[in-house]
């Protein structure tokens, strides 16, 4: 018999705290704010989108989604796609400075 994923065994309040702490511990919002101050508009817009996708991903985990679940996979792919878009825009901006 398959064991239930760890995320589903944790109490909801503990999952929420872990997810909230992860965003804080990795300084997601301060980094986003710094980007908004110095980056071109298209990079700033992508940075806003990455926060939204990361929050969607976090919320899916909080709700108990795990690898293989439809919602988990959807939010994970959306986050990765948006991260690649941000990366591409940042590289294009850096290339324009050469």
C-alpha atoms as a PDB file:
ATOM      1  CA  UNK A   1       0.000   0.000   0.000  1.00  0.00           C
ATOM      2  CA  UNK A   2       1.357   3.440  -1.006  1.00  0.00           C
ATOM      3  CA  UNK A   3       2.061   5.906   1.766  1.00  0.00           C
ATOM      4  CA  UNK A   4       0.366   9.253   1.782  1.00  0.00           C
ATOM      5  CA  UNK A   5       2.720  12.101   0.737  1.00  0.00           C
ATOM      6  CA  UNK A   6       4.276  14.044   3.612  1.00  0.00           C
ATOM      7  CA  UNK A   7       2.574  17.303   2.554  1.00  0.00           C
ATOM      8  CA  UNK A   8      -0.832  15.708   3.023  1.00  0.00           C
ATOM      9  CA  UNK A   9       0.058  14.339   6.454  1.00  0.00           C
ATOM     10  CA  UNK A  10       1.053  17.735   7.847  1.00  0.00           C
ATOM     11  CA  UNK A  11      -1.635  19.877   9.476  1.00  0.00           C
ATOM     12  CA  UNK A  12      -2.867  22.711   7.254  1.00  0.00           C
ATOM     13  CA  UNK A  13      -1.524  25.430   9.557  1.00  0.00           C
ATOM     14  CA  UNK A  14       1.941  23.843   9.456  1.00  0.00           C
ATOM     15  CA  UNK A  15       1.889  23.630   5.633  1.00  0.00           C
ATOM     16  CA  UNK A  16       0.838  27.274   5.431  1.00  0.00           C
ATOM     17  CA  UNK A  17       3.591  28.351   7.815  1.00  0.00           C
ATOM     18  CA  UNK A  18       6.239  26.394   5.906  1.00  0.00           C
ATOM     19  CA  UNK A  19       5.159  27.897   2.583  1.00  0.00           C
ATOM     20  CA  UNK A  20       4.960  31.425   3.992  1.00  0.00           C
ATOM     21  CA  UNK A  21       8.361  31.046   5.614  1.00  0.00           C
ATOM     22  CA  UNK A  22       9.896  29.833   2.356  1.00  0.00           C
ATOM     23  CA  UNK A  23       8.877  33.043   0.563  1.00  0.00           C
ATOM     24  CA  UNK A  24      10.257  35.099   3.442  1.00  0.00           C
ATOM     25  CA  UNK A  25      13.431  33.063   3.951  1.00  0.00           C
ATOM     26  CA  UNK A  26      14.378  33.331   0.289  1.00  0.00           C
ATOM     27  CA  UNK A  27      13.570  37.063   0.332  1.00  0.00           C
ATOM     28  CA  UNK A  28      11.239  36.774  -2.644  1.00  0.00           C
ATOM     29  CA  UNK A  29       9.489  40.110  -2.114  1.00  0.00           C
ATOM     30  CA  UNK A  30      12.588  42.234  -1.373  1.00  0.00           C
ATOM     31  CA  UNK A  31      14.299  40.864  -4.483  1.00  0.00           C
ATOM     32  CA  UNK A  32      11.194  41.600  -6.544  1.00  0.00           C
ATOM     33  CA  UNK A  33      11.175  45.150  -5.189  1.00  0.00           C
ATOM     34  CA  UNK A  34      14.838  45.657  -6.152  1.00  0.00           C
ATOM     35  CA  UNK A  35      14.105  44.409  -9.661  1.00  0.00           C
ATOM     36  CA  UNK A  36      11.262  46.906  -9.964  1.00  0.00           C
ATOM     37  CA  UNK A  37      13.644  49.725  -9.115  1.00  0.00           C
ATOM     38  CA  UNK A  38      16.419  48.951 -11.575  1.00  0.00           C
ATOM     39  CA  UNK A  39      15.148  46.679 -14.339  1.00  0.00           C
ATOM     40  CA  UNK A  40      13.441  47.614 -17.604  1.00  0.00           C
ATOM     41  CA  UNK A  41       9.664  47.371 -17.697  1.00  0.00           C
ATOM     42  CA  UNK A  42       9.517  43.990 -19.466  1.00  0.00           C
ATOM     43  CA  UNK A  43      11.800  42.418 -16.839  1.00  0.00           C
ATOM     44  CA  UNK A  44       9.758  44.014 -14.066  1.00  0.00           C
ATOM     45  CA  UNK A  45       6.536  42.620 -15.551  1.00  0.00           C
ATOM     46  CA  UNK A  46       8.053  39.141 -15.746  1.00  0.00           C
ATOM     47  CA  UNK A  47       9.210  39.462 -12.141  1.00  0.00           C
ATOM     48  CA  UNK A  48       5.609  40.254 -11.130  1.00  0.00           C
ATOM     49  CA  UNK A  49       4.392  37.211 -13.036  1.00  0.00           C
ATOM     50  CA  UNK A  50       6.938  34.926 -11.407  1.00  0.00           C
ATOM     51  CA  UNK A  51       5.676  35.967  -7.968  1.00  0.00           C
ATOM     52  CA  UNK A  52       2.113  35.159  -9.037  1.00  0.00           C
ATOM     53  CA  UNK A  53       3.146  31.747 -10.410  1.00  0.00           C
ATOM     54  CA  UNK A  54       5.204  31.014  -7.299  1.00  0.00           C
ATOM     55  CA  UNK A  55       2.242  31.932  -5.111  1.00  0.00           C
ATOM     56  CA  UNK A  56      -0.018  29.629  -7.157  1.00  0.00           C
ATOM     57  CA  UNK A  57       2.532  26.836  -6.743  1.00  0.00           C
ATOM     58  CA  UNK A  58       2.811  27.521  -3.013  1.00  0.00           C
ATOM     59  CA  UNK A  59      -0.967  27.485  -2.632  1.00  0.00           C
ATOM     60  CA  UNK A  60      -1.221  24.145  -4.429  1.00  0.00           C
ATOM     61  CA  UNK A  61       1.301  22.677  -1.996  1.00  0.00           C
ATOM     62  CA  UNK A  62      -0.522  24.193   0.982  1.00  0.00           C
ATOM     63  CA  UNK A  63      -3.728  22.565  -0.246  1.00  0.00           C
ATOM     64  CA  UNK A  64      -1.973  19.207  -0.298  1.00  0.00           C
ATOM     65  CA  UNK A  65      -1.082  18.792  -3.962  1.00  0.00           C
ATOM     66  CA  UNK A  66       1.982  16.683  -4.618  1.00  0.00           C
ATOM     67  CA  UNK A  67       4.009  15.611  -7.641  1.00  0.00           C
ATOM     68  CA  UNK A  68       1.743  13.799 -10.067  1.00  0.00           C
ATOM     69  CA  UNK A  69      -1.428  15.670  -9.068  1.00  0.00           C
ATOM     70  CA  UNK A  70      -2.984  17.710 -11.883  1.00  0.00           C
ATOM     71  CA  UNK A  71      -2.913  21.008  -9.951  1.00  0.00           C
ATOM     72  CA  UNK A  72       0.648  20.471  -8.761  1.00  0.00           C
ATOM     73  CA  UNK A  73       1.859  19.725 -12.280  1.00  0.00           C
ATOM     74  CA  UNK A  74      -0.064  22.672 -13.753  1.00  0.00           C
ATOM     75  CA  UNK A  75       1.329  25.172 -11.273  1.00  0.00           C
ATOM     76  CA  UNK A  76       4.827  23.705 -11.438  1.00  0.00           C
ATOM     77  CA  UNK A  77       4.935  23.946 -15.248  1.00  0.00           C
ATOM     78  CA  UNK A  78       3.485  27.478 -15.197  1.00  0.00           C
ATOM     79  CA  UNK A  79       6.139  28.540 -12.690  1.00  0.00           C
ATOM     80  CA  UNK A  80       8.967  26.975 -14.702  1.00  0.00           C
ATOM     81  CA  UNK A  81       7.738  28.532 -17.960  1.00  0.00           C
ATOM     82  CA  UNK A  82       7.468  31.966 -16.350  1.00  0.00           C
ATOM     83  CA  UNK A  83      10.892  31.571 -14.738  1.00  0.00           C
ATOM     84  CA  UNK A  84      12.401  30.816 -18.140  1.00  0.00           C
ATOM     85  CA  UNK A  85      10.687  33.880 -19.611  1.00  0.00           C
ATOM     86  CA  UNK A  86      12.114  36.049 -16.825  1.00  0.00           C
ATOM     87  CA  UNK A  87      15.559  34.541 -17.336  1.00  0.00           C
ATOM     88  CA  UNK A  88      15.390  35.202 -21.093  1.00  0.00           C
ATOM     89  CA  UNK A  89      14.334  38.813 -20.580  1.00  0.00           C
ATOM     90  CA  UNK A  90      17.072  39.410 -18.019  1.00  0.00           C
ATOM     91  CA  UNK A  91      19.690  37.953 -20.372  1.00  0.00           C
ATOM     92  CA  UNK A  92      18.410  40.084 -23.253  1.00  0.00           C
ATOM     93  CA  UNK A  93      18.700  43.169 -21.047  1.00  0.00           C
ATOM     94  CA  UNK A  94      22.251  42.275 -20.067  1.00  0.00           C
ATOM     95  CA  UNK A  95      23.157  41.583 -23.697  1.00  0.00           C
ATOM     96  CA  UNK A  96      21.878  45.043 -24.670  1.00  0.00           C
ATOM     97  CA  UNK A  97      24.543  46.588 -22.426  1.00  0.00           C
ATOM     98  CA  UNK A  98      27.411  45.145 -24.446  1.00  0.00           C
END
